[in-house]
Amino acid sequence: MTHLKIGDKAPNFSGTDQNGKTHSLADYKGKKLVVFFYPKANTPGCTAEACDLRDNYERFQANNYELLGVSADSAKAQKKFEEKYSFPFALLADEDKSVIEAFGVWGPKKFMGKEYDGIHRTTFVIDENGSIENIISDVKTKVHASQIL
């Protein structure tokens, strides 16, 4: 789905999280960054994915990784999602889809016979210098941390 490839420079994004804090690619220089795009907060697959990442958060930190979730949900919806499941990472509320489109993960999808536009669940692993190290488009929501680490 995405036009980006391993080895490409990651898009220089900027977005606001569930607490009103702005995050950009430059904020993570010197760390590895996992940017995981998910269709909708508080839905079963997205909850399983984010909870698996939460449950393995210490493993990520031990390996110099930061995590950043992104969906087109409102900041209010992201805040409820974070509070309900005690996520230790930021969730960007990308309502204008600027980050989603920069990474090329918005497009036609099919669900129960219906076609619509939405987010393709995709995870990008960005290295310390801002280059894409890995792209996971076949996300296994319940064991996603293992796919990354």
N, C-alpha and C. Protein backbone atom coordinates (compact mmCIF):
# COMPACT_ATOMS: atom_id res chain seq x y z
N MET A 1 0.83 -1.20 0.00
CA MET A 1 0.00 0.00 0.00
C MET A 1 0.87 1.26 0.00
N THR A 2 1.78 1.37 0.95
CA THR A 2 2.59 2.58 1.08
C THR A 2 3.57 2.73 -0.08
N HIS A 3 3.90 3.94 -0.41
CA HIS A 3 4.90 4.22 -1.45
C HIS A 3 6.31 4.18 -0.88
N LEU A 4 6.43 4.14 0.44
CA LEU A 4 7.74 4.15 1.10
C LEU A 4 8.37 2.76 1.05
N LYS A 5 9.72 2.75 1.08
CA LYS A 5 10.45 1.49 1.04
C LYS A 5 11.51 1.49 2.14
N ILE A 6 11.95 0.30 2.52
CA ILE A 6 13.03 0.18 3.49
C ILE A 6 14.24 0.92 2.93
N GLY A 7 14.88 1.72 3.77
CA GLY A 7 16.03 2.52 3.34
C GLY A 7 15.67 3.96 3.03
N ASP A 8 14.38 4.22 2.75
CA ASP A 8 13.95 5.61 2.50
C ASP A 8 14.05 6.43 3.77
N LYS A 9 14.18 7.74 3.61
CA LYS A 9 14.07 8.65 4.75
C LYS A 9 12.59 8.67 5.15
N ALA A 10 12.33 8.64 6.44
CA ALA A 10 10.95 8.71 6.91
C ALA A 10 10.40 10.11 6.66
N PRO A 11 9.11 10.23 6.39
CA PRO A 11 8.50 11.55 6.20
C PRO A 11 8.71 12.42 7.45
N ASN A 12 8.96 13.69 7.24
CA ASN A 12 9.17 14.61 8.34
C ASN A 12 7.81 15.07 8.87
N PHE A 13 7.17 14.21 9.64
CA PHE A 13 5.80 14.45 10.11
C PHE A 13 5.76 15.34 11.35
N SER A 14 4.58 15.85 11.60
CA SER A 14 4.29 16.57 12.83
C SER A 14 2.82 16.37 13.15
N GLY A 15 2.52 16.01 14.38
CA GLY A 15 1.14 15.77 14.76
C GLY A 15 0.96 15.95 16.26
N THR A 16 -0.30 16.06 16.69
CA THR A 16 -0.63 16.29 18.09
C THR A 16 -1.21 15.03 18.72
N ASP A 17 -0.76 14.73 19.94
CA ASP A 17 -1.21 13.51 20.60
C ASP A 17 -2.46 13.74 21.46
N GLN A 18 -2.82 12.70 22.20
CA GLN A 18 -4.04 12.70 23.02
C GLN A 18 -4.00 13.74 24.14
N ASN A 19 -2.81 14.26 24.46
CA ASN A 19 -2.67 15.25 25.52
C ASN A 19 -2.37 16.65 24.99
N GLY A 20 -2.45 16.82 23.66
CA GLY A 20 -2.20 18.14 23.07
C GLY A 20 -0.73 18.43 22.81
N LYS A 21 0.13 17.44 23.03
CA LYS A 21 1.57 17.61 22.80
C LYS A 21 1.90 17.32 21.33
N THR A 22 2.76 18.15 20.75
CA THR A 22 3.16 17.95 19.36
C THR A 22 4.36 17.01 19.28
N HIS A 23 4.33 16.12 18.31
CA HIS A 23 5.42 15.18 18.06
C HIS A 23 5.85 15.33 16.61
N SER A 24 7.16 15.31 16.37
CA SER A 24 7.66 15.32 15.00
C SER A 24 8.82 14.34 14.90
N LEU A 25 9.19 14.01 13.69
CA LEU A 25 10.28 13.05 13.49
C LEU A 25 11.56 13.51 14.20
N ALA A 26 11.85 14.80 14.15
CA ALA A 26 13.08 15.35 14.75
C ALA A 26 13.16 15.08 16.26
N ASP A 27 12.00 14.96 16.93
CA ASP A 27 11.98 14.72 18.38
C ASP A 27 12.61 13.37 18.74
N TYR A 28 12.71 12.48 17.77
CA TYR A 28 13.16 11.11 18.05
C TYR A 28 14.56 10.81 17.52
N LYS A 29 15.27 11.83 17.08
CA LYS A 29 16.63 11.62 16.56
C LYS A 29 17.48 10.95 17.65
N GLY A 30 18.24 9.93 17.26
CA GLY A 30 19.07 9.22 18.23
C GLY A 30 18.36 8.04 18.88
N LYS A 31 17.08 7.89 18.60
CA LYS A 31 16.32 6.74 19.10
C LYS A 31 15.69 6.02 17.92
N LYS A 32 15.36 4.76 18.13
CA LYS A 32 14.56 4.05 17.12
C LYS A 32 13.11 4.38 17.42
N LEU A 33 12.33 4.57 16.36
CA LEU A 33 10.94 4.93 16.53
C LEU A 33 10.04 3.93 15.81
N VAL A 34 9.07 3.41 16.54
CA VAL A 34 8.06 2.54 15.96
C VAL A 34 6.80 3.39 15.79
N VAL A 35 6.39 3.61 14.53
CA VAL A 35 5.16 4.35 14.26
C VAL A 35 4.14 3.33 13.77
N PHE A 36 3.12 3.10 14.60
CA PHE A 36 2.12 2.10 14.20
C PHE A 36 0.80 2.80 13.90
N PHE A 37 0.32 2.55 12.68
CA PHE A 37 -0.93 3.13 12.20
C PHE A 37 -2.04 2.10 12.41
N TYR A 38 -3.12 2.53 13.02
CA TYR A 38 -4.25 1.62 13.26
C TYR A 38 -5.55 2.30 12.86
N PRO A 39 -6.54 1.50 12.39
CA PRO A 39 -7.76 2.07 11.85
C PRO A 39 -8.62 2.88 12.84
N LYS A 40 -8.85 2.35 14.06
CA LYS A 40 -9.77 3.05 14.96
C LYS A 40 -9.54 2.65 16.41
N ALA A 41 -9.42 3.66 17.27
CA ALA A 41 -9.25 3.43 18.71
C ALA A 41 -10.43 2.64 19.26
N ASN A 42 -10.11 1.78 20.23
CA ASN A 42 -11.13 1.02 20.96
C ASN A 42 -11.87 -0.03 20.15
N THR A 43 -11.33 -0.43 19.00
CA THR A 43 -11.91 -1.54 18.25
C THR A 43 -11.08 -2.79 18.59
N PRO A 44 -11.63 -4.00 18.41
CA PRO A 44 -10.94 -5.20 18.88
C PRO A 44 -9.50 -5.38 18.38
N GLY A 45 -9.28 -5.27 17.07
CA GLY A 45 -7.93 -5.48 16.54
C GLY A 45 -6.95 -4.41 17.00
N CYS A 46 -7.39 -3.18 17.01
CA CYS A 46 -6.53 -2.07 17.42
C CYS A 46 -6.20 -2.16 18.91
N THR A 47 -7.18 -2.59 19.70
CA THR A 47 -6.96 -2.76 21.13
C THR A 47 -5.96 -3.88 21.38
N ALA A 48 -6.12 -5.01 20.68
CA ALA A 48 -5.18 -6.14 20.84
C ALA A 48 -3.77 -5.71 20.48
N GLU A 49 -3.63 -4.97 19.37
CA GLU A 49 -2.31 -4.52 18.92
C GLU A 49 -1.67 -3.58 19.94
N ALA A 50 -2.40 -2.55 20.34
CA ALA A 50 -1.85 -1.56 21.26
C ALA A 50 -1.55 -2.17 22.63
N CYS A 51 -2.40 -3.08 23.10
CA CYS A 51 -2.15 -3.73 24.40
C CYS A 51 -0.93 -4.64 24.34
N ASP A 52 -0.70 -5.32 23.22
CA ASP A 52 0.50 -6.14 23.07
C ASP A 52 1.75 -5.25 23.12
N LEU A 53 1.69 -4.10 22.48
CA LEU A 53 2.83 -3.17 22.50
C LEU A 53 3.03 -2.63 23.92
N ARG A 54 1.93 -2.31 24.59
CA ARG A 54 2.01 -1.84 25.99
C ARG A 54 2.66 -2.91 26.89
N ASP A 55 2.21 -4.16 26.73
CA ASP A 55 2.71 -5.24 27.58
C ASP A 55 4.18 -5.53 27.36
N ASN A 56 4.71 -5.11 26.21
CA ASN A 56 6.12 -5.32 25.89
C ASN A 56 6.92 -4.01 25.91
N TYR A 57 6.34 -2.96 26.47
CA TYR A 57 6.94 -1.62 26.43
C TYR A 57 8.35 -1.59 27.02
N GLU A 58 8.56 -2.32 28.10
CA GLU A 58 9.89 -2.34 28.73
C GLU A 58 10.93 -2.95 27.80
N ARG A 59 10.54 -3.95 27.03
CA ARG A 59 11.46 -4.55 26.05
C ARG A 59 11.83 -3.51 24.99
N PHE A 60 10.85 -2.73 24.54
CA PHE A 60 11.14 -1.68 23.56
C PHE A 60 12.10 -0.65 24.15
N GLN A 61 11.83 -0.20 25.36
CA GLN A 61 12.68 0.81 25.99
C GLN A 61 14.10 0.29 26.18
N ALA A 62 14.23 -0.97 26.56
CA ALA A 62 15.55 -1.58 26.77
C ALA A 62 16.37 -1.60 25.48
N ASN A 63 15.68 -1.57 24.33
CA ASN A 63 16.35 -1.59 23.03
C ASN A 63 16.36 -0.21 22.34
N ASN A 64 16.14 0.86 23.13
CA ASN A 64 16.20 2.25 22.65
C ASN A 64 15.10 2.60 21.64
N TYR A 65 13.93 1.97 21.81
CA TYR A 65 12.79 2.26 20.94
C TYR A 65 11.80 3.18 21.65
N GLU A 66 11.20 4.08 20.89
CA GLU A 66 10.04 4.83 21.33
C GLU A 66 8.87 4.37 20.46
N LEU A 67 7.66 4.45 20.99
CA LEU A 67 6.47 4.04 20.25
C LEU A 67 5.55 5.22 20.05
N LEU A 68 4.90 5.24 18.88
CA LEU A 68 3.96 6.30 18.56
C LEU A 68 2.82 5.70 17.75
N GLY A 69 1.62 5.73 18.31
CA GLY A 69 0.45 5.23 17.59
C GLY A 69 -0.19 6.36 16.81
N VAL A 70 -0.79 6.04 15.66
CA VAL A 70 -1.43 7.06 14.83
C VAL A 70 -2.74 6.52 14.26
N SER A 71 -3.80 7.30 14.43
CA SER A 71 -5.07 7.02 13.74
C SER A 71 -5.74 8.35 13.46
N ALA A 72 -6.84 8.31 12.72
CA ALA A 72 -7.55 9.54 12.37
C ALA A 72 -8.59 9.91 13.43
N ASP A 73 -8.52 9.24 14.58
CA ASP A 73 -9.45 9.54 15.67
C ASP A 73 -9.19 10.93 16.26
N SER A 74 -10.18 11.47 16.94
CA SER A 74 -10.02 12.76 17.63
C SER A 74 -9.11 12.59 18.85
N ALA A 75 -8.59 13.70 19.34
CA ALA A 75 -7.75 13.66 20.55
C ALA A 75 -8.56 13.09 21.72
N LYS A 76 -9.85 13.43 21.78
CA LYS A 76 -10.72 12.94 22.86
C LYS A 76 -10.83 11.41 22.80
N ALA A 77 -11.02 10.86 21.59
CA ALA A 77 -11.12 9.40 21.44
C ALA A 77 -9.79 8.73 21.79
N GLN A 78 -8.68 9.35 21.38
CA GLN A 78 -7.35 8.80 21.69
C GLN A 78 -7.11 8.83 23.20
N LYS A 79 -7.54 9.90 23.86
CA LYS A 79 -7.37 10.04 25.31
C LYS A 79 -8.16 8.95 26.05
N LYS A 80 -9.40 8.70 25.62
CA LYS A 80 -10.21 7.64 26.24
C LYS A 80 -9.54 6.27 26.05
N PHE A 81 -9.01 6.04 24.85
CA PHE A 81 -8.32 4.78 24.52
C PHE A 81 -7.11 4.61 25.44
N GLU A 82 -6.32 5.68 25.57
CA GLU A 82 -5.12 5.65 26.42
C GLU A 82 -5.50 5.38 27.88
N GLU A 83 -6.50 6.08 28.37
CA GLU A 83 -6.88 5.95 29.78
C GLU A 83 -7.47 4.58 30.09
N LYS A 84 -8.26 4.06 29.17
CA LYS A 84 -8.91 2.76 29.38
C LYS A 84 -7.88 1.64 29.51
N TYR A 85 -6.79 1.74 28.72
CA TYR A 85 -5.80 0.65 28.69
C TYR A 85 -4.43 1.04 29.24
N SER A 86 -4.30 2.22 29.83
CA SER A 86 -3.04 2.68 30.45
C SER A 86 -1.84 2.57 29.51
N PHE A 87 -1.96 3.13 28.32
CA PHE A 87 -0.84 3.09 27.38
C PHE A 87 0.26 4.05 27.81
N PRO A 88 1.52 3.59 27.77
CA PRO A 88 2.64 4.45 28.17
C PRO A 88 3.23 5.24 26.99
N PHE A 89 2.57 5.21 25.85
CA PHE A 89 3.09 5.89 24.65
C PHE A 89 2.04 6.85 24.10
N ALA A 90 2.50 7.78 23.26
CA ALA A 90 1.63 8.79 22.67
C ALA A 90 0.80 8.20 21.53
N LEU A 91 -0.41 8.74 21.37
CA LEU A 91 -1.30 8.37 20.28
C LEU A 91 -1.65 9.65 19.52
N LEU A 92 -1.16 9.76 18.29
CA LEU A 92 -1.46 10.96 17.51
C LEU A 92 -2.91 10.94 17.03
N ALA A 93 -3.56 12.09 17.18
CA ALA A 93 -4.92 12.29 16.69
C ALA A 93 -4.78 13.00 15.34
N ASP A 94 -4.65 12.20 14.29
CA ASP A 94 -4.35 12.73 12.95
C ASP A 94 -5.64 12.93 12.16
N GLU A 95 -6.50 13.82 12.67
CA GLU A 95 -7.81 14.01 12.06
C GLU A 95 -7.74 14.54 10.64
N ASP A 96 -6.72 15.35 10.33
CA ASP A 96 -6.59 15.87 8.95
C ASP A 96 -5.83 14.90 8.04
N LYS A 97 -5.39 13.77 8.63
CA LYS A 97 -4.70 12.69 7.91
C LYS A 97 -3.37 13.11 7.29
N SER A 98 -2.76 14.17 7.78
CA SER A 98 -1.49 14.63 7.19
C SER A 98 -0.36 13.61 7.42
N VAL A 99 -0.31 13.01 8.61
CA VAL A 99 0.73 12.01 8.91
C VAL A 99 0.39 10.71 8.17
N ILE A 100 -0.88 10.33 8.22
CA ILE A 100 -1.35 9.11 7.56
C ILE A 100 -1.03 9.15 6.06
N GLU A 101 -1.30 10.29 5.43
CA GLU A 101 -1.04 10.42 3.99
C GLU A 101 0.45 10.54 3.69
N ALA A 102 1.22 11.17 4.58
CA ALA A 102 2.67 11.27 4.38
C ALA A 102 3.30 9.88 4.32
N PHE A 103 2.77 8.95 5.13
CA PHE A 103 3.29 7.59 5.16
C PHE A 103 2.60 6.69 4.12
N GLY A 104 1.57 7.21 3.46
CA GLY A 104 0.90 6.46 2.39
C GLY A 104 0.11 5.26 2.85
N VAL A 105 -0.57 5.38 4.00
CA VAL A 105 -1.32 4.23 4.51
C VAL A 105 -2.84 4.45 4.46
N TRP A 106 -3.29 5.45 3.72
CA TRP A 106 -4.72 5.71 3.54
C TRP A 106 -5.12 5.25 2.15
N GLY A 107 -6.22 4.52 2.05
CA GLY A 107 -6.66 4.09 0.73
C GLY A 107 -7.85 3.17 0.80
N PRO A 108 -8.24 2.62 -0.37
CA PRO A 108 -9.42 1.76 -0.44
C PRO A 108 -9.24 0.46 0.34
N LYS A 109 -10.29 0.08 1.04
CA LYS A 109 -10.31 -1.16 1.84
C LYS A 109 -11.64 -1.85 1.60
N LYS A 110 -11.68 -3.12 1.97
CA LYS A 110 -12.92 -3.88 1.90
C LYS A 110 -13.18 -4.48 3.27
N PHE A 111 -14.44 -4.40 3.70
CA PHE A 111 -14.83 -5.03 4.96
C PHE A 111 -16.26 -5.51 4.82
N MET A 112 -16.48 -6.78 5.01
CA MET A 112 -17.80 -7.40 4.89
C MET A 112 -18.49 -7.00 3.59
N GLY A 113 -17.73 -7.07 2.50
CA GLY A 113 -18.29 -6.82 1.18
C GLY A 113 -18.43 -5.35 0.80
N LYS A 114 -18.14 -4.45 1.72
CA LYS A 114 -18.25 -3.02 1.44
C LYS A 114 -16.87 -2.44 1.18
N GLU A 115 -16.80 -1.53 0.19
CA GLU A 115 -15.55 -0.82 -0.07
C GLU A 115 -15.63 0.57 0.51
N TYR A 116 -14.54 1.00 1.11
CA TYR A 116 -14.47 2.34 1.70
C TYR A 116 -13.00 2.73 1.80
N ASP A 117 -12.74 4.01 2.07
CA ASP A 117 -11.36 4.46 2.29
C ASP A 117 -11.07 4.44 3.78
N GLY A 118 -9.86 4.01 4.11
CA GLY A 118 -9.47 3.95 5.52
C GLY A 118 -7.98 3.72 5.67
N ILE A 119 -7.58 3.56 6.92
CA ILE A 119 -6.17 3.33 7.24
C ILE A 119 -5.84 1.86 7.05
N HIS A 120 -4.75 1.60 6.35
CA HIS A 120 -4.23 0.24 6.25
C HIS A 120 -3.29 0.05 7.44
N ARG A 121 -3.61 -0.94 8.29
CA ARG A 121 -2.81 -1.19 9.49
C ARG A 121 -1.38 -1.50 9.06
N THR A 122 -0.47 -0.60 9.38
CA THR A 122 0.92 -0.70 8.94
C THR A 122 1.81 -0.15 10.04
N THR A 123 2.97 -0.75 10.23
CA THR A 123 3.94 -0.28 11.21
C THR A 123 5.27 0.01 10.53
N PHE A 124 5.84 1.15 10.88
CA PHE A 124 7.14 1.56 10.35
C PHE A 124 8.13 1.60 11.50
N VAL A 125 9.30 0.98 11.29
CA VAL A 125 10.38 1.06 12.26
C VAL A 125 11.41 2.00 11.65
N ILE A 126 11.68 3.11 12.36
CA ILE A 126 12.58 4.14 11.87
C ILE A 126 13.84 4.13 12.73
N ASP A 127 15.00 4.13 12.08
CA ASP A 127 16.25 4.06 12.84
C ASP A 127 16.63 5.40 13.45
N GLU A 128 17.75 5.42 14.16
CA GLU A 128 18.21 6.60 14.89
C GLU A 128 18.48 7.80 14.00
N ASN A 129 18.69 7.56 12.70
CA ASN A 129 18.99 8.65 11.77
C ASN A 129 17.80 9.04 10.89
N GLY A 130 16.63 8.49 11.18
CA GLY A 130 15.43 8.88 10.45
C GLY A 130 15.17 8.09 9.18
N SER A 131 15.88 6.96 9.00
CA SER A 131 15.64 6.11 7.83
C SER A 131 14.73 4.95 8.22
N ILE A 132 13.93 4.50 7.25
CA ILE A 132 13.02 3.39 7.50
C ILE A 132 13.80 2.08 7.49
N GLU A 133 13.75 1.40 8.63
CA GLU A 133 14.48 0.15 8.83
C GLU A 133 13.61 -1.07 8.50
N ASN A 134 12.30 -0.93 8.75
CA ASN A 134 11.40 -2.04 8.49
C ASN A 134 9.98 -1.49 8.27
N ILE A 135 9.21 -2.19 7.45
CA ILE A 135 7.80 -1.86 7.22
C ILE A 135 7.03 -3.16 7.39
N ILE A 136 6.08 -3.16 8.33
CA ILE A 136 5.28 -4.35 8.57
C ILE A 136 3.85 -4.04 8.14
N SER A 137 3.43 -4.67 7.03
CA SER A 137 2.07 -4.43 6.55
C SER A 137 1.15 -5.60 6.89
N ASP A 138 1.73 -6.75 7.22
CA ASP A 138 0.93 -7.91 7.64
C ASP A 138 1.00 -8.00 9.16
N VAL A 139 0.34 -7.05 9.83
CA VAL A 139 0.42 -6.94 11.28
C VAL A 139 -0.40 -8.04 11.95
N LYS A 140 0.25 -8.77 12.84
CA LYS A 140 -0.43 -9.76 13.67
C LYS A 140 -0.72 -9.06 15.00
N THR A 141 -1.97 -8.64 15.19
CA THR A 141 -2.30 -7.74 16.30
C THR A 141 -1.94 -8.29 17.68
N LYS A 142 -2.12 -9.58 17.90
CA LYS A 142 -1.90 -10.14 19.24
C LYS A 142 -0.42 -10.37 19.56
N VAL A 143 0.44 -10.40 18.55
CA VAL A 143 1.87 -10.65 18.78
C VAL A 143 2.73 -9.63 18.01
N HIS A 144 2.22 -8.41 17.92
CA HIS A 144 2.90 -7.42 17.10
C HIS A 144 4.28 -7.04 17.64
N ALA A 145 4.43 -7.01 18.95
CA ALA A 145 5.74 -6.68 19.54
C ALA A 145 6.81 -7.65 19.06
N SER A 146 6.46 -8.93 19.00
CA SER A 146 7.41 -9.95 18.52
C SER A 146 7.77 -9.73 17.06
N GLN A 147 6.80 -9.28 16.25
CA GLN A 147 7.09 -9.00 14.84
C GLN A 147 8.14 -7.88 14.72
N ILE A 148 8.07 -6.91 15.62
CA ILE A 148 8.97 -5.75 15.56
C ILE A 148 10.34 -6.09 16.16
N LEU A 149 10.31 -6.69 17.34
CA LEU A 149 11.57 -6.97 18.06
C LEU A 149 12.22 -8.25 17.57
